[in-house]
């Protein structure tokens, strides 16, 4: 059996399921079925979610399994949360990055950046 793909490899569009079959009973069900939240994730993200469940949400063990830094595993999880429509990173990394970019572009002063970072 081939692994599940969630996006059309040509257009990148969402795929739908049109046929379900049980090899044991021979029952076939045809229609148009959504893959639900699974369709929003890439194959790599689905593999990551599988490992996350395997390790009961322990990102440190998952990072060790993937042989990546904890922060890399955490970033991948954040990408999955965003793909599923969840809130942006809750630890403030997105906000800090945006503030620093504004400071670098001289849109805000150092004092303003410090105030925003503290606050």
C-alpha atoms as a PDB file:
ATOM      1  CA  UNK A   1       0.000   0.000   0.000  1.00  0.00           C
ATOM      2  CA  UNK A   2       1.205   3.523  -0.749  1.00  0.00           C
ATOM      3  CA  UNK A   3       1.447   6.169   1.990  1.00  0.00           C
ATOM      4  CA  UNK A   4      -1.349   8.724   2.132  1.00  0.00           C
ATOM      5  CA  UNK A   5      -0.764  11.908   0.181  1.00  0.00           C
ATOM      6  CA  UNK A   6      -2.821  14.921   1.147  1.00  0.00           C
ATOM      7  CA  UNK A   7      -2.131  17.393  -1.670  1.00  0.00           C
ATOM      8  CA  UNK A   8      -2.274  17.168  -5.459  1.00  0.00           C
ATOM      9  CA  UNK A   9       1.392  16.901  -6.491  1.00  0.00           C
ATOM     10  CA  UNK A  10       0.706  19.004  -9.614  1.00  0.00           C
ATOM     11  CA  UNK A  11      -1.470  21.860  -8.370  1.00  0.00           C
ATOM     12  CA  UNK A  12      -0.976  21.595  -4.601  1.00  0.00           C
ATOM     13  CA  UNK A  13      -4.762  21.506  -4.185  1.00  0.00           C
ATOM     14  CA  UNK A  14      -6.629  19.486  -1.587  1.00  0.00           C
ATOM     15  CA  UNK A  15      -7.353  15.881  -2.472  1.00  0.00           C
ATOM     16  CA  UNK A  16     -10.629  14.154  -1.666  1.00  0.00           C
ATOM     17  CA  UNK A  17     -11.337  10.478  -1.139  1.00  0.00           C
ATOM     18  CA  UNK A  18     -13.849   9.014  -3.584  1.00  0.00           C
ATOM     19  CA  UNK A  19     -13.700   5.324  -2.763  1.00  0.00           C
ATOM     20  CA  UNK A  20     -13.379   3.321   0.437  1.00  0.00           C
ATOM     21  CA  UNK A  21     -12.876  -0.431   0.292  1.00  0.00           C
ATOM     22  CA  UNK A  22     -12.601  -3.186   2.887  1.00  0.00           C
ATOM     23  CA  UNK A  23     -10.314  -5.966   1.587  1.00  0.00           C
ATOM     24  CA  UNK A  24     -11.760  -8.471   4.086  1.00  0.00           C
ATOM     25  CA  UNK A  25     -15.445  -8.101   3.239  1.00  0.00           C
ATOM     26  CA  UNK A  26     -15.196  -6.670  -0.262  1.00  0.00           C
ATOM     27  CA  UNK A  27     -17.481  -3.786   0.699  1.00  0.00           C
ATOM     28  CA  UNK A  28     -16.920  -0.694  -1.447  1.00  0.00           C
ATOM     29  CA  UNK A  29     -18.281   2.739  -0.600  1.00  0.00           C
ATOM     30  CA  UNK A  30     -18.075   5.487  -3.181  1.00  0.00           C
ATOM     31  CA  UNK A  31     -18.714   9.190  -2.686  1.00  0.00           C
ATOM     32  CA  UNK A  32     -16.825  12.376  -1.917  1.00  0.00           C
ATOM     33  CA  UNK A  33     -15.120  12.303   1.473  1.00  0.00           C
ATOM     34  CA  UNK A  34     -12.937  14.968   3.041  1.00  0.00           C
ATOM     35  CA  UNK A  35      -9.661  14.050   4.697  1.00  0.00           C
ATOM     36  CA  UNK A  36     -10.479  16.654   7.359  1.00  0.00           C
ATOM     37  CA  UNK A  37      -7.587  18.150   9.307  1.00  0.00           C
ATOM     38  CA  UNK A  38      -5.222  15.585   7.806  1.00  0.00           C
ATOM     39  CA  UNK A  39      -5.513  17.280   4.414  1.00  0.00           C
ATOM     40  CA  UNK A  40      -3.932  20.429   5.836  1.00  0.00           C
ATOM     41  CA  UNK A  41      -0.654  18.645   6.621  1.00  0.00           C
ATOM     42  CA  UNK A  42       2.169  17.471   4.396  1.00  0.00           C
ATOM     43  CA  UNK A  43       3.418  13.880   4.486  1.00  0.00           C
ATOM     44  CA  UNK A  44       6.396  15.006   6.585  1.00  0.00           C
ATOM     45  CA  UNK A  45       4.104  16.778   9.041  1.00  0.00           C
ATOM     46  CA  UNK A  46       1.916  13.686   9.348  1.00  0.00           C
ATOM     47  CA  UNK A  47       5.008  11.596  10.094  1.00  0.00           C
ATOM     48  CA  UNK A  48       5.988  14.136  12.759  1.00  0.00           C
ATOM     49  CA  UNK A  49       2.517  13.952  14.340  1.00  0.00           C
ATOM     50  CA  UNK A  50       2.764  10.148  14.385  1.00  0.00           C
ATOM     51  CA  UNK A  51       6.052  10.335  16.296  1.00  0.00           C
ATOM     52  CA  UNK A  52       4.660  13.002  18.612  1.00  0.00           C
ATOM     53  CA  UNK A  53       1.819  10.669  19.569  1.00  0.00           C
ATOM     54  CA  UNK A  54       4.249   7.732  19.885  1.00  0.00           C
ATOM     55  CA  UNK A  55       6.291   9.747  22.391  1.00  0.00           C
ATOM     56  CA  UNK A  56       3.146  10.986  24.160  1.00  0.00           C
ATOM     57  CA  UNK A  57       3.882  14.622  23.356  1.00  0.00           C
ATOM     58  CA  UNK A  58       7.439  14.554  24.695  1.00  0.00           C
ATOM     59  CA  UNK A  59       9.202  16.853  22.249  1.00  0.00           C
ATOM     60  CA  UNK A  60      12.604  16.172  23.778  1.00  0.00           C
ATOM     61  CA  UNK A  61      12.346  12.419  23.059  1.00  0.00           C
ATOM     62  CA  UNK A  62      10.951  13.136  19.608  1.00  0.00           C
ATOM     63  CA  UNK A  63      13.879  15.464  18.844  1.00  0.00           C
ATOM     64  CA  UNK A  64      16.303  12.732  19.919  1.00  0.00           C
ATOM     65  CA  UNK A  65      14.536  10.213  17.647  1.00  0.00           C
ATOM     66  CA  UNK A  66      14.780  12.614  14.698  1.00  0.00           C
ATOM     67  CA  UNK A  67      18.347  13.563  15.628  1.00  0.00           C
ATOM     68  CA  UNK A  68      17.501  17.277  15.606  1.00  0.00           C
ATOM     69  CA  UNK A  69      17.746  20.022  18.200  1.00  0.00           C
ATOM     70  CA  UNK A  70      14.815  20.536  20.549  1.00  0.00           C
ATOM     71  CA  UNK A  71      14.219  23.996  19.023  1.00  0.00           C
ATOM     72  CA  UNK A  72      14.032  22.467  15.530  1.00  0.00           C
ATOM     73  CA  UNK A  73      11.421  19.949  16.691  1.00  0.00           C
ATOM     74  CA  UNK A  74       9.528  22.730  18.449  1.00  0.00           C
ATOM     75  CA  UNK A  75       9.548  24.841  15.280  1.00  0.00           C
ATOM     76  CA  UNK A  76       8.157  21.935  13.267  1.00  0.00           C
ATOM     77  CA  UNK A  77       5.389  21.522  15.825  1.00  0.00           C
ATOM     78  CA  UNK A  78       4.640  25.249  15.641  1.00  0.00           C
ATOM     79  CA  UNK A  79       4.343  24.960  11.842  1.00  0.00           C
ATOM     80  CA  UNK A  80       1.844  22.110  12.254  1.00  0.00           C
ATOM     81  CA  UNK A  81      -0.205  24.098  14.767  1.00  0.00           C
ATOM     82  CA  UNK A  82      -0.316  27.007  12.319  1.00  0.00           C
ATOM     83  CA  UNK A  83      -1.278  24.685   9.429  1.00  0.00           C
ATOM     84  CA  UNK A  84      -4.169  23.413  11.529  1.00  0.00           C
ATOM     85  CA  UNK A  85      -5.388  26.964  12.129  1.00  0.00           C
ATOM     86  CA  UNK A  86      -4.130  27.242  15.689  1.00  0.00           C
ATOM     87  CA  UNK A  87      -2.846  30.429  17.241  1.00  0.00           C
ATOM     88  CA  UNK A  88       0.664  31.622  16.392  1.00  0.00           C
ATOM     89  CA  UNK A  89       3.510  30.570  18.654  1.00  0.00           C
ATOM     90  CA  UNK A  90       2.497  31.321  22.204  1.00  0.00           C
ATOM     91  CA  UNK A  91       5.975  31.771  23.668  1.00  0.00           C
ATOM     92  CA  UNK A  92       6.449  35.158  22.026  1.00  0.00           C
ATOM     93  CA  UNK A  93       9.083  34.212  19.440  1.00  0.00           C
ATOM     94  CA  UNK A  94       7.001  35.587  16.581  1.00  0.00           C
ATOM     95  CA  UNK A  95       6.404  38.877  18.369  1.00  0.00           C
ATOM     96  CA  UNK A  96      10.081  39.293  19.365  1.00  0.00           C
ATOM     97  CA  UNK A  97      11.188  38.589  15.824  1.00  0.00           C
ATOM     98  CA  UNK A  98       8.749  41.154  14.420  1.00  0.00           C
ATOM     99  CA  UNK A  99       9.908  43.770  16.931  1.00  0.00           C
ATOM    100  CA  UNK A 100      13.559  43.163  16.084  1.00  0.00           C
ATOM    101  CA  UNK A 101      12.810  43.406  12.363  1.00  0.00           C
ATOM    102  CA  UNK A 102      11.075  46.744  12.944  1.00  0.00           C
ATOM    103  CA  UNK A 103      14.065  47.946  14.958  1.00  0.00           C
ATOM    104  CA  UNK A 104      16.497  46.849  12.239  1.00  0.00           C
ATOM    105  CA  UNK A 105      14.412  48.667   9.627  1.00  0.00           C
ATOM    106  CA  UNK A 106      14.550  51.766  11.882  1.00  0.00           C
ATOM    107  CA  UNK A 107      10.765  51.853  12.102  1.00  0.00           C
ATOM    108  CA  UNK A 108      11.015  52.074  15.897  1.00  0.00           C
ATOM    109  CA  UNK A 109      13.629  53.365  18.332  1.00  0.00           C
ATOM    110  CA  UNK A 110      15.747  51.212  20.623  1.00  0.00           C
ATOM    111  CA  UNK A 111      13.712  52.519  23.568  1.00  0.00           C
ATOM    112  CA  UNK A 112      10.431  51.579  21.884  1.00  0.00           C
ATOM    113  CA  UNK A 113      11.796  48.114  21.033  1.00  0.00           C
ATOM    114  CA  UNK A 114      12.877  47.600  24.652  1.00  0.00           C
ATOM    115  CA  UNK A 115       9.445  48.667  25.891  1.00  0.00           C
ATOM    116  CA  UNK A 116       7.698  46.290  23.497  1.00  0.00           C
ATOM    117  CA  UNK A 117      10.009  43.392  24.339  1.00  0.00           C
ATOM    118  CA  UNK A 118       9.387  43.826  28.057  1.00  0.00           C
ATOM    119  CA  UNK A 119       5.747  44.147  27.685  1.00  0.00           C
END
